[in-house]
Amino acid sequence: MQLPIVTIDAFTDTPFSGNPAAVCLLPGPLAEEGMQLIAAEMNLSETAFLQQTGPTEFKLKWFTPEKEVDLCGHATLASAFMLYIEEVVDENEEISFDTKSGVLKVKMVEGEIEMDFPLLATKEESHPYFADNFFGQKIVGSASLKGNWILELESFHQLEYVEPEFHLLAMHSDEGIIITSKGNENFDIYSRYFAPNLGINEDPVTGFAHCALIDYWHKKEGKTKLNAYQASKREGDMRLELIGERVKILGKAVKIFEGFLEV
């Protein structure tokens, strides 16, 4: 059987930057074991699997090379972008994705993909191992969230200099660690995300992490809108808006590859 698959760079409009995701629109049901094998073969931070259930309704699942995850921003953006550019769904229509994190609504707004995601609550507390510094860089604030930690560094320059030892990160984290800092005249906040226990040493641009980062920075500074930059080697950016218990995430995408898998 042949399965169509595309690779899309999310949170960017420049090829070979942002966060690449593989997107597979399934012609019918596929066992989760098969999805995991495909995700391992694609070896990207996430592979998204879509199954159409209505004109603009889809089941959506996300897999890293090692496990299924509950929420993924860039692969959701990539999935919606693929559905629009391949004209599976008209650009004027809103898409509903049925996921492990509930129904996610996504639409096209002036050339950008706007996603309606759940807010991820954070709790101010010190990390049991990385309490004062993170691989030589001073920590000035920290918070926990489900499966992850946020560590705030003094400046975006220090954030960019961090060179983690991934075996230590894996020992002292569940899913991963988000590092963040205040931004500059270009962006309100900077961040990076490390998740060796998910099979992703460093994720290029992470939508779900920003559902927690906007909670962290809102509690710290009261902001409800942020221009965010993720300072990985591939780099990417997004716009965030906090609305109650939801987060609107806006970003762009570009298609890189399309083909078929023989399964």
C-alpha atoms as a PDB file:
ATOM      1  CA  MET A   1       0.000   0.000   0.000  1.00  0.00           C
ATOM      2  CA  GLN A   2       1.185   3.526  -0.791  1.00  0.00           C
ATOM      3  CA  LEU A   3       0.654   6.303   1.733  1.00  0.00           C
ATOM      4  CA  PRO A   4       1.029   9.927   0.572  1.00  0.00           C
ATOM      5  CA  ILE A   5       3.307  12.000   2.793  1.00  0.00           C
ATOM      6  CA  VAL A   6       4.586  15.576   2.748  1.00  0.00           C
ATOM      7  CA  THR A   7       7.237  17.415   4.726  1.00  0.00           C
ATOM      8  CA  ILE A   8       6.443  20.977   5.749  1.00  0.00           C
ATOM      9  CA  ASP A   9       8.618  23.522   7.534  1.00  0.00           C
ATOM     10  CA  ALA A  10       6.442  25.211  10.174  1.00  0.00           C
ATOM     11  CA  PHE A  11       6.742  28.593  11.895  1.00  0.00           C
ATOM     12  CA  THR A  12       8.671  30.009   8.951  1.00  0.00           C
ATOM     13  CA  ASP A  13       8.181  31.060   5.334  1.00  0.00           C
ATOM     14  CA  THR A  14      11.801  30.242   4.443  1.00  0.00           C
ATOM     15  CA  PRO A  15      12.645  26.718   3.238  1.00  0.00           C
ATOM     16  CA  PHE A  16      14.998  24.678   5.448  1.00  0.00           C
ATOM     17  CA  SER A  17      14.280  26.729   8.554  1.00  0.00           C
ATOM     18  CA  GLY A  18      11.557  26.514  11.204  1.00  0.00           C
ATOM     19  CA  ASN A  19      10.475  23.066  12.389  1.00  0.00           C
ATOM     20  CA  PRO A  20       9.967  20.292   9.823  1.00  0.00           C
ATOM     21  CA  ALA A  21       7.008  17.961  10.275  1.00  0.00           C
ATOM     22  CA  ALA A  22       5.901  15.020   8.190  1.00  0.00           C
ATOM     23  CA  VAL A  23       2.158  14.905   7.467  1.00  0.00           C
ATOM     24  CA  CYS A  24       0.339  11.768   6.328  1.00  0.00           C
ATOM     25  CA  LEU A  25      -3.314  11.916   5.250  1.00  0.00           C
ATOM     26  CA  LEU A  26      -4.493   8.354   5.794  1.00  0.00           C
ATOM     27  CA  PRO A  27      -6.879   6.715   3.309  1.00  0.00           C
ATOM     28  CA  GLY A  28      -8.227   4.567   6.164  1.00  0.00           C
ATOM     29  CA  PRO A  29      -7.460   3.344   9.691  1.00  0.00           C
ATOM     30  CA  LEU A  30      -3.840   2.568  10.576  1.00  0.00           C
ATOM     31  CA  ALA A  31      -2.700   0.878  13.788  1.00  0.00           C
ATOM     32  CA  GLU A  32      -0.726   3.035  16.214  1.00  0.00           C
ATOM     33  CA  GLU A  33       2.177   0.596  15.901  1.00  0.00           C
ATOM     34  CA  GLY A  34       2.321   1.414  12.197  1.00  0.00           C
ATOM     35  CA  MET A  35       2.230   5.149  12.898  1.00  0.00           C
ATOM     36  CA  GLN A  36       5.122   4.785  15.337  1.00  0.00           C
ATOM     37  CA  LEU A  37       7.190   2.853  12.793  1.00  0.00           C
ATOM     38  CA  ILE A  38       6.577   5.526  10.163  1.00  0.00           C
ATOM     39  CA  ALA A  39       7.483   8.300  12.604  1.00  0.00           C
ATOM     40  CA  ALA A  40      10.723   6.512  13.466  1.00  0.00           C
ATOM     41  CA  GLU A  41      11.475   6.120   9.758  1.00  0.00           C
ATOM     42  CA  MET A  42      10.818   9.804   9.031  1.00  0.00           C
ATOM     43  CA  ASN A  43      12.988  10.694  12.067  1.00  0.00           C
ATOM     44  CA  LEU A  44      11.619  14.215  12.445  1.00  0.00           C
ATOM     45  CA  SER A  45      10.587  15.722  15.761  1.00  0.00           C
ATOM     46  CA  GLU A  46       6.957  14.896  14.901  1.00  0.00           C
ATOM     47  CA  THR A  47       5.005  13.066  12.243  1.00  0.00           C
ATOM     48  CA  ALA A  48       1.293  13.890  12.042  1.00  0.00           C
ATOM     49  CA  PHE A  49      -1.374  11.391  10.964  1.00  0.00           C
ATOM     50  CA  LEU A  50      -4.716  12.667   9.695  1.00  0.00           C
ATOM     51  CA  GLN A  51      -7.936  10.790   9.063  1.00  0.00           C
ATOM     52  CA  GLN A  52     -10.843  12.713   7.553  1.00  0.00           C
ATOM     53  CA  THR A  53     -14.153  12.308   9.370  1.00  0.00           C
ATOM     54  CA  GLY A  54     -16.142  15.148   7.761  1.00  0.00           C
ATOM     55  CA  PRO A  55     -15.783  17.955   5.192  1.00  0.00           C
ATOM     56  CA  THR A  56     -13.541  19.986   7.538  1.00  0.00           C
ATOM     57  CA  GLU A  57     -13.144  17.503  10.421  1.00  0.00           C
ATOM     58  CA  PHE A  58     -10.123  15.278  10.995  1.00  0.00           C
ATOM     59  CA  LYS A  59      -8.688  12.973  13.618  1.00  0.00           C
ATOM     60  CA  LEU A  60      -5.100  14.018  14.313  1.00  0.00           C
ATOM     61  CA  LYS A  61      -2.329  12.126  16.107  1.00  0.00           C
ATOM     62  CA  TRP A  62       1.313  13.126  16.636  1.00  0.00           C
ATOM     63  CA  PHE A  63       4.313  10.841  17.053  1.00  0.00           C
ATOM     64  CA  THR A  64       7.959  11.600  17.778  1.00  0.00           C
ATOM     65  CA  PRO A  65      10.495   8.976  16.631  1.00  0.00           C
ATOM     66  CA  GLU A  66       9.973   7.279  20.015  1.00  0.00           C
ATOM     67  CA  LYS A  67       6.427   7.913  21.313  1.00  0.00           C
ATOM     68  CA  GLU A  68       3.012   9.486  20.821  1.00  0.00           C
ATOM     69  CA  VAL A  69       2.585  12.961  22.341  1.00  0.00           C
ATOM     70  CA  ASP A  70      -0.493  14.738  23.681  1.00  0.00           C
ATOM     71  CA  LEU A  71       0.001  18.107  21.967  1.00  0.00           C
ATOM     72  CA  CYS A  72       2.134  19.411  19.119  1.00  0.00           C
ATOM     73  CA  GLY A  73       1.943  22.886  17.634  1.00  0.00           C
ATOM     74  CA  HIS A  74       4.204  22.795  14.593  1.00  0.00           C
ATOM     75  CA  ALA A  75       2.800  19.508  13.255  1.00  0.00           C
ATOM     76  CA  THR A  76      -0.752  20.853  13.684  1.00  0.00           C
ATOM     77  CA  LEU A  77       0.197  23.987  11.759  1.00  0.00           C
ATOM     78  CA  ALA A  78       1.841  21.802   9.093  1.00  0.00           C
ATOM     79  CA  SER A  79      -1.257  19.597   8.867  1.00  0.00           C
ATOM     80  CA  ALA A  80      -3.594  22.554   8.366  1.00  0.00           C
ATOM     81  CA  PHE A  81      -1.232  24.152   5.851  1.00  0.00           C
ATOM     82  CA  MET A  82      -1.138  20.923   3.830  1.00  0.00           C
ATOM     83  CA  LEU A  83      -4.928  20.603   3.847  1.00  0.00           C
ATOM     84  CA  TYR A  84      -5.308  24.178   2.590  1.00  0.00           C
ATOM     85  CA  ILE A  85      -2.633  24.177  -0.120  1.00  0.00           C
ATOM     86  CA  GLU A  86      -3.712  20.757  -1.432  1.00  0.00           C
ATOM     87  CA  GLU A  87      -7.298  22.094  -1.488  1.00  0.00           C
ATOM     88  CA  VAL A  88      -8.636  19.301   0.710  1.00  0.00           C
ATOM     89  CA  VAL A  89     -10.236  22.169   2.646  1.00  0.00           C
ATOM     90  CA  ASP A  90     -11.047  25.616   1.251  1.00  0.00           C
ATOM     91  CA  GLU A  91      -8.926  28.426   2.718  1.00  0.00           C
ATOM     92  CA  ASN A  92     -12.091  30.179   3.924  1.00  0.00           C
ATOM     93  CA  GLU A  93     -13.121  27.162   6.030  1.00  0.00           C
ATOM     94  CA  GLU A  94     -12.141  26.462   9.640  1.00  0.00           C
ATOM     95  CA  ILE A  95     -10.610  23.041  10.321  1.00  0.00           C
ATOM     96  CA  SER A  96     -11.448  20.969  13.406  1.00  0.00           C
ATOM     97  CA  PHE A  97      -8.842  18.492  14.632  1.00  0.00           C
ATOM     98  CA  ASP A  98      -9.953  15.810  17.114  1.00  0.00           C
ATOM     99  CA  THR A  99      -6.856  15.136  19.266  1.00  0.00           C
ATOM    100  CA  LYS A 100      -5.660  13.861  22.645  1.00  0.00           C
ATOM    101  CA  SER A 101      -5.846  17.494  23.809  1.00  0.00           C
ATOM    102  CA  GLY A 102      -9.446  17.946  22.710  1.00  0.00           C
ATOM    103  CA  VAL A 103     -10.798  19.616  19.586  1.00  0.00           C
ATOM    104  CA  LEU A 104      -8.344  22.137  18.113  1.00  0.00           C
ATOM    105  CA  LYS A 105      -9.728  24.783  15.761  1.00  0.00           C
ATOM    106  CA  VAL A 106      -7.448  26.093  13.023  1.00  0.00           C
ATOM    107  CA  LYS A 107      -8.036  28.643  10.272  1.00  0.00           C
ATOM    108  CA  MET A 108      -6.210  30.713   7.674  1.00  0.00           C
ATOM    109  CA  VAL A 109      -5.904  34.416   8.527  1.00  0.00           C
ATOM    110  CA  GLU A 110      -4.232  36.713   5.988  1.00  0.00           C
ATOM    111  CA  GLY A 111      -1.735  34.115   4.838  1.00  0.00           C
ATOM    112  CA  GLU A 112      -0.990  32.776   8.320  1.00  0.00           C
ATOM    113  CA  ILE A 113      -2.284  29.715  10.141  1.00  0.00           C
ATOM    114  CA  GLU A 114      -4.105  30.604  13.382  1.00  0.00           C
ATOM    115  CA  MET A 115      -4.420  27.791  15.919  1.00  0.00           C
ATOM    116  CA  ASP A 116      -6.648  27.757  18.996  1.00  0.00           C
ATOM    117  CA  PHE A 117      -4.780  25.753  21.667  1.00  0.00           C
ATOM    118  CA  PRO A 118      -5.301  25.048  25.374  1.00  0.00           C
ATOM    119  CA  LEU A 119      -3.314  27.072  27.883  1.00  0.00           C
ATOM    120  CA  LEU A 120      -0.759  24.935  29.743  1.00  0.00           C
ATOM    121  CA  ALA A 121      -0.658  26.015  33.373  1.00  0.00           C
ATOM    122  CA  THR A 122       2.703  26.596  35.045  1.00  0.00           C
ATOM    123  CA  LYS A 123       3.646  26.601  38.715  1.00  0.00           C
ATOM    124  CA  GLU A 124       6.528  28.682  40.039  1.00  0.00           C
ATOM    125  CA  GLU A 125       9.073  26.371  41.666  1.00  0.00           C
ATOM    126  CA  SER A 126      12.771  25.524  41.570  1.00  0.00           C
ATOM    127  CA  HIS A 127      14.074  22.597  39.566  1.00  0.00           C
ATOM    128  CA  PRO A 128      15.556  19.946  41.900  1.00  0.00           C
ATOM    129  CA  TYR A 129      18.797  19.729  39.886  1.00  0.00           C
ATOM    130  CA  PHE A 130      18.982  22.883  37.747  1.00  0.00           C
ATOM    131  CA  ALA A 131      18.190  25.280  40.593  1.00  0.00           C
ATOM    132  CA  ASP A 132      20.840  27.986  40.113  1.00  0.00           C
ATOM    133  CA  ASN A 133      22.391  27.505  36.691  1.00  0.00           C
ATOM    134  CA  PHE A 134      21.788  25.649  33.459  1.00  0.00           C
ATOM    135  CA  PHE A 135      25.058  24.433  31.974  1.00  0.00           C
ATOM    136  CA  GLY A 136      26.921  27.515  33.136  1.00  0.00           C
ATOM    137  CA  GLN A 137      24.167  30.104  32.599  1.00  0.00           C
ATOM    138  CA  LYS A 138      22.439  31.715  35.593  1.00  0.00           C
ATOM    139  CA  ILE A 139      18.779  30.871  36.236  1.00  0.00           C
ATOM    140  CA  VAL A 140      16.649  33.863  37.331  1.00  0.00           C
ATOM    141  CA  GLY A 141      13.237  32.165  37.401  1.00  0.00           C
ATOM    142  CA  SER A 142      11.667  28.731  36.966  1.00  0.00           C
ATOM    143  CA  ALA A 143       8.355  26.924  36.803  1.00  0.00           C
ATOM    144  CA  SER A 144       7.017  23.423  36.358  1.00  0.00           C
ATOM    145  CA  LEU A 145       4.285  22.094  34.099  1.00  0.00           C
ATOM    146  CA  LYS A 146       3.093  18.636  33.134  1.00  0.00           C
ATOM    147  CA  GLY A 147       6.132  16.624  32.089  1.00  0.00           C
ATOM    148  CA  ASN A 148       8.313  19.696  31.575  1.00  0.00           C
ATOM    149  CA  TRP A 149      10.121  22.613  33.202  1.00  0.00           C
ATOM    150  CA  ILE A 150      10.643  26.257  32.279  1.00  0.00           C
ATOM    151  CA  LEU A 151      13.984  27.826  33.236  1.00  0.00           C
ATOM    152  CA  GLU A 152      14.429  31.568  32.724  1.00  0.00           C
ATOM    153  CA  LEU A 153      17.921  32.864  31.967  1.00  0.00           C
ATOM    154  CA  GLU A 154      19.228  36.412  32.381  1.00  0.00           C
ATOM    155  CA  SER A 155      19.311  37.351  28.665  1.00  0.00           C
ATOM    156  CA  PHE A 156      18.682  36.007  25.196  1.00  0.00           C
ATOM    157  CA  HIS A 157      22.437  36.104  24.579  1.00  0.00           C
ATOM    158  CA  GLN A 158      22.986  33.583  27.385  1.00  0.00           C
ATOM    159  CA  LEU A 159      20.136  31.440  26.088  1.00  0.00           C
ATOM    160  CA  GLU A 160      21.813  31.212  22.687  1.00  0.00           C
ATOM    161  CA  TYR A 161      25.151  30.198  24.258  1.00  0.00           C
ATOM    162  CA  VAL A 162      23.755  27.167  26.111  1.00  0.00           C
ATOM    163  CA  GLU A 163      25.345  23.840  25.126  1.00  0.00           C
ATOM    164  CA  PRO A 164      23.543  21.101  27.074  1.00  0.00           C
ATOM    165  CA  GLU A 165      24.898  17.723  28.073  1.00  0.00           C
ATOM    166  CA  PHE A 166      21.962  15.657  26.921  1.00  0.00           C
ATOM    167  CA  HIS A 167      22.624  12.659  29.165  1.00  0.00           C
ATOM    168  CA  LEU A 168      22.254  14.980  32.182  1.00  0.00           C
ATOM    169  CA  LEU A 169      19.130  16.541  30.708  1.00  0.00           C
ATOM    170  CA  ALA A 170      17.621  13.097  30.207  1.00  0.00           C
ATOM    171  CA  MET A 171      18.433  12.100  33.797  1.00  0.00           C
ATOM    172  CA  HIS A 172      16.877  15.243  35.275  1.00  0.00           C
ATOM    173  CA  SER A 173      13.736  15.686  33.166  1.00  0.00           C
ATOM    174  CA  ASP A 174      10.588  13.781  32.296  1.00  0.00           C
ATOM    175  CA  GLU A 175       9.732  14.993  28.800  1.00  0.00           C
ATOM    176  CA  GLY A 176      11.934  18.069  28.488  1.00  0.00           C
ATOM    177  CA  ILE A 177      13.144  21.489  29.572  1.00  0.00           C
ATOM    178  CA  ILE A 178      12.180  24.852  28.077  1.00  0.00           C
ATOM    179  CA  ILE A 179      14.664  27.691  28.544  1.00  0.00           C
ATOM    180  CA  THR A 180      13.486  31.250  28.023  1.00  0.00           C
ATOM    181  CA  SER A 181      14.482  34.885  28.432  1.00  0.00           C
ATOM    182  CA  LYS A 182      13.185  38.364  27.835  1.00  0.00           C
ATOM    183  CA  GLY A 183      13.639  39.510  24.285  1.00  0.00           C
ATOM    184  CA  ASN A 184      14.725  42.727  22.589  1.00  0.00           C
ATOM    185  CA  GLU A 185      13.261  45.262  20.162  1.00  0.00           C
ATOM    186  CA  ASN A 186      12.472  42.455  17.696  1.00  0.00           C
ATOM    187  CA  PHE A 187      10.793  39.842  19.902  1.00  0.00           C
ATOM    188  CA  ASP A 188       9.204  39.874  23.358  1.00  0.00           C
ATOM    189  CA  ILE A 189      10.597  36.501  24.426  1.00  0.00           C
ATOM    190  CA  TYR A 190      13.204  33.989  23.321  1.00  0.00           C
ATOM    191  CA  SER A 191      13.229  30.261  23.995  1.00  0.00           C
ATOM    192  CA  ARG A 192      14.766  26.864  23.253  1.00  0.00           C
ATOM    193  CA  TYR A 193      13.370  23.393  23.989  1.00  0.00           C
ATOM    194  CA  PHE A 194      15.316  20.224  24.790  1.00  0.00           C
ATOM    195  CA  ALA A 195      13.561  16.834  24.983  1.00  0.00           C
ATOM    196  CA  PRO A 196      16.051  13.937  24.810  1.00  0.00           C
ATOM    197  CA  ASN A 197      13.570  11.599  26.494  1.00  0.00           C
ATOM    198  CA  LEU A 198      11.217  12.100  23.543  1.00  0.00           C
ATOM    199  CA  GLY A 199      13.981  11.332  21.059  1.00  0.00           C
ATOM    200  CA  ILE A 200      14.479  15.057  20.308  1.00  0.00           C
ATOM    201  CA  ASN A 201      17.689  16.545  21.695  1.00  0.00           C
ATOM    202  CA  GLU A 202      16.598  20.025  20.609  1.00  0.00           C
ATOM    203  CA  ASP A 203      13.283  20.790  18.950  1.00  0.00           C
ATOM    204  CA  PRO A 204      13.666  23.558  16.355  1.00  0.00           C
ATOM    205  CA  VAL A 205      10.388  25.449  17.017  1.00  0.00           C
ATOM    206  CA  THR A 206       7.856  24.228  19.581  1.00  0.00           C
ATOM    207  CA  GLY A 207       4.222  25.316  19.544  1.00  0.00           C
ATOM    208  CA  PHE A 208       3.132  23.445  22.677  1.00  0.00           C
ATOM    209  CA  ALA A 209       5.953  24.994  24.736  1.00  0.00           C
ATOM    210  CA  HIS A 210       4.570  28.437  23.988  1.00  0.00           C
ATOM    211  CA  CYS A 211       1.197  27.430  25.459  1.00  0.00           C
ATOM    212  CA  ALA A 212       3.122  27.275  28.744  1.00  0.00           C
ATOM    213  CA  LEU A 213       5.497  30.171  28.057  1.00  0.00           C
ATOM    214  CA  ILE A 214       2.643  32.643  27.611  1.00  0.00           C
ATOM    215  CA  ASP A 215       1.261  31.503  30.991  1.00  0.00           C
ATOM    216  CA  TYR A 216       4.695  31.942  32.593  1.00  0.00           C
ATOM    217  CA  TRP A 217       5.260  35.426  31.156  1.00  0.00           C
ATOM    218  CA  HIS A 218       1.667  36.512  31.795  1.00  0.00           C
ATOM    219  CA  LYS A 219       2.060  35.628  35.475  1.00  0.00           C
ATOM    220  CA  LYS A 220       5.418  37.409  35.560  1.00  0.00           C
ATOM    221  CA  GLU A 221       4.662  40.557  33.533  1.00  0.00           C
ATOM    222  CA  GLY A 222       0.924  40.582  32.822  1.00  0.00           C
ATOM    223  CA  LYS A 223       1.320  40.380  29.046  1.00  0.00           C
ATOM    224  CA  THR A 224      -1.397  38.730  26.968  1.00  0.00           C
ATOM    225  CA  LYS A 225       0.259  39.168  23.549  1.00  0.00           C
ATOM    226  CA  LEU A 226       3.787  38.091  22.686  1.00  0.00           C
ATOM    227  CA  ASN A 227       5.994  37.975  19.626  1.00  0.00           C
ATOM    228  CA  ALA A 228       8.094  34.884  20.269  1.00  0.00           C
ATOM    229  CA  TYR A 229      11.349  33.643  18.751  1.00  0.00           C
ATOM    230  CA  GLN A 230      12.823  30.163  19.184  1.00  0.00           C
ATOM    231  CA  ALA A 231      16.604  30.376  18.946  1.00  0.00           C
ATOM    232  CA  SER A 232      17.484  26.948  17.578  1.00  0.00           C
ATOM    233  CA  LYS A 233      19.885  26.582  14.658  1.00  0.00           C
ATOM    234  CA  ARG A 234      16.904  26.395  12.284  1.00  0.00           C
ATOM    235  CA  GLU A 235      15.103  29.223  14.140  1.00  0.00           C
ATOM    236  CA  GLY A 236      11.469  30.216  13.853  1.00  0.00           C
ATOM    237  CA  ASP A 237       8.890  32.622  15.224  1.00  0.00           C
ATOM    238  CA  MET A 238       5.225  32.936  16.097  1.00  0.00           C
ATOM    239  CA  ARG A 239       2.698  35.362  17.535  1.00  0.00           C
ATOM    240  CA  LEU A 240       0.792  34.484  20.687  1.00  0.00           C
ATOM    241  CA  GLU A 241      -2.381  35.784  22.282  1.00  0.00           C
ATOM    242  CA  LEU A 242      -3.808  34.656  25.628  1.00  0.00           C
ATOM    243  CA  ILE A 243      -7.608  34.554  25.716  1.00  0.00           C
ATOM    244  CA  GLY A 244      -8.916  33.081  28.972  1.00  0.00           C
ATOM    245  CA  GLU A 245      -7.819  29.458  29.141  1.00  0.00           C
ATOM    246  CA  ARG A 246      -6.911  29.348  25.439  1.00  0.00           C
ATOM    247  CA  VAL A 247      -3.904  30.472  23.417  1.00  0.00           C
ATOM    248  CA  LYS A 248      -4.006  31.676  19.839  1.00  0.00           C
ATOM    249  CA  ILE A 249      -0.803  30.815  17.967  1.00  0.00           C
ATOM    250  CA  LEU A 250      -0.132  32.332  14.556  1.00  0.00           C
ATOM    251  CA  GLY A 251       2.615  31.241  12.198  1.00  0.00           C
ATOM    252  CA  LYS A 252       3.562  30.515   8.615  1.00  0.00           C
ATOM    253  CA  ALA A 253       4.713  27.392   6.786  1.00  0.00           C
ATOM    254  CA  VAL A 254       6.265  26.196   3.522  1.00  0.00           C
ATOM    255  CA  LYS A 255       6.073  22.792   1.805  1.00  0.00           C
ATOM    256  CA  ILE A 256       9.430  21.109   1.183  1.00  0.00           C
ATOM    257  CA  PHE A 257       8.767  17.569  -0.036  1.00  0.00           C
ATOM    258  CA  GLU A 258       6.009  15.229  -1.159  1.00  0.00           C
ATOM    259  CA  GLY A 259       6.004  11.550  -2.039  1.00  0.00           C
ATOM    260  CA  PHE A 260       4.721   8.112  -1.072  1.00  0.00           C
ATOM    261  CA  LEU A 261       5.573   5.546   1.572  1.00  0.00           C
ATOM    262  CA  GLU A 262       5.432   1.836   0.672  1.00  0.00           C
ATOM    263  CA  VAL A 263       3.850   0.070   3.644  1.00  0.00           C
END
